[in-house]
Amino acid sequence: MNTISHATEPRWAAPVAIQIGTRPSEHIHGPAEAVDYLEHRWPLQHSMHLEAAKRRCVEAMNHLAHLEASRDAFVAAAAEAKVLA
């Protein structure tokens, strides 16, 4: 992940554990962190759930969508990409 700090960003009630490739599993805590992963580290370049997750996370960051809806969208994208840990 890049070095941007997301400490002051909104956080989900529960993090999402993912594992990309052979790296150890990591916990994603909120929509800003999720967008970093979806845009810079995601194993699938184009997919239905990827685009929906990015859109929902950005909406949640801008208070245009419910925070937990962004988590649900991220989980769907992670399941589609087979990276849920």
Protein backbone atom coordinates (compact mmCIF):
# COMPACT_ATOMS: atom_id res chain seq x y z
CA MET A 1 0.00 0.00 0.00
CA ASN A 2 1.20 3.52 -0.50
CA THR A 3 2.25 5.66 2.43
CA ILE A 4 -0.87 7.81 2.73
CA SER A 5 -2.23 7.85 6.28
CA HIS A 6 -5.92 7.17 6.70
CA ALA A 7 -6.03 7.64 10.48
CA THR A 8 -8.49 10.54 10.32
CA GLU A 9 -10.75 9.00 7.65
CA PRO A 10 -14.10 7.36 8.45
CA ARG A 11 -13.74 3.73 9.51
CA TRP A 12 -16.04 0.76 9.11
CA ALA A 13 -17.51 -0.97 12.18
CA ALA A 14 -15.35 -4.01 11.36
CA PRO A 15 -12.30 -4.20 9.08
CA VAL A 16 -12.20 -6.47 6.03
CA ALA A 17 -9.36 -9.00 5.89
CA ILE A 18 -7.87 -9.53 2.43
CA GLN A 19 -4.88 -11.38 1.08
CA ILE A 20 -3.41 -10.41 -2.28
CA GLY A 21 -1.04 -12.93 -3.78
CA THR A 22 1.39 -14.55 -1.36
CA ARG A 23 1.55 -11.58 1.00
CA PRO A 24 0.21 -11.92 4.54
CA SER A 25 -3.42 -10.98 5.04
CA GLU A 26 -4.12 -7.30 5.65
CA HIS A 27 -7.04 -5.47 7.24
CA ILE A 28 -8.81 -2.69 5.40
CA HIS A 29 -10.50 -0.32 7.85
CA GLY A 30 -12.47 2.13 5.75
CA PRO A 31 -13.37 3.50 2.34
CA ALA A 32 -10.27 5.65 1.81
CA GLU A 33 -7.96 2.72 2.45
CA ALA A 34 -10.18 0.53 0.26
CA VAL A 35 -9.90 2.96 -2.66
CA ASP A 36 -6.09 2.86 -2.38
CA TYR A 37 -6.17 -0.92 -2.70
CA LEU A 38 -8.80 -0.96 -5.44
CA GLU A 39 -6.88 1.54 -7.56
CA HIS A 40 -3.27 0.51 -6.92
CA ARG A 41 -3.06 -3.12 -5.78
CA TRP A 42 -6.18 -4.92 -6.96
CA PRO A 43 -5.57 -8.14 -8.92
CA LEU A 44 -8.54 -7.58 -11.29
CA GLN A 45 -8.33 -4.58 -13.57
CA HIS A 46 -11.92 -4.55 -14.79
CA SER A 47 -14.93 -6.05 -13.09
CA MET A 48 -18.47 -5.17 -12.19
CA HIS A 49 -17.87 -5.23 -8.43
CA LEU A 50 -14.58 -3.32 -8.64
CA GLU A 51 -16.20 -0.27 -10.23
CA ALA A 52 -19.18 -0.40 -7.87
CA ALA A 53 -16.87 -0.64 -4.83
CA LYS A 54 -14.79 2.34 -5.94
CA ARG A 55 -17.93 4.38 -6.53
CA ARG A 56 -19.51 3.45 -3.16
CA CYS A 57 -16.28 4.13 -1.27
CA VAL A 58 -15.84 7.56 -2.83
CA GLU A 59 -19.50 8.33 -2.10
CA ALA A 60 -19.02 7.29 1.55
CA MET A 61 -15.90 9.44 1.84
CA ASN A 62 -17.99 12.39 0.59
CA HIS A 63 -20.91 11.54 2.90
CA LEU A 64 -23.14 10.72 -0.09
CA ALA A 65 -23.59 7.04 0.81
CA HIS A 66 -23.82 5.07 4.01
CA LEU A 67 -20.41 4.05 5.33
CA GLU A 68 -21.34 0.38 5.73
CA ALA A 69 -22.71 0.26 2.15
CA SER A 70 -19.16 0.98 1.00
CA ARG A 71 -17.92 -1.91 3.13
CA ASP A 72 -20.49 -4.26 1.57
CA ALA A 73 -19.41 -3.17 -1.91
CA PHE A 74 -15.74 -3.70 -1.02
CA VAL A 75 -16.49 -7.18 0.34
CA ALA A 76 -18.29 -8.03 -2.92
CA ALA A 77 -15.29 -6.86 -4.95
CA ALA A 78 -12.92 -8.82 -2.70
CA ALA A 79 -15.02 -11.97 -3.07
CA GLU A 80 -15.10 -11.52 -6.85
CA ALA A 81 -11.30 -11.09 -6.91
CA LYS A 82 -10.86 -14.06 -4.55
CA VAL A 83 -8.83 -12.03 -2.05
CA LEU A 84 -11.02 -12.33 1.07
CA ALA A 85 -8.88 -13.76 3.85
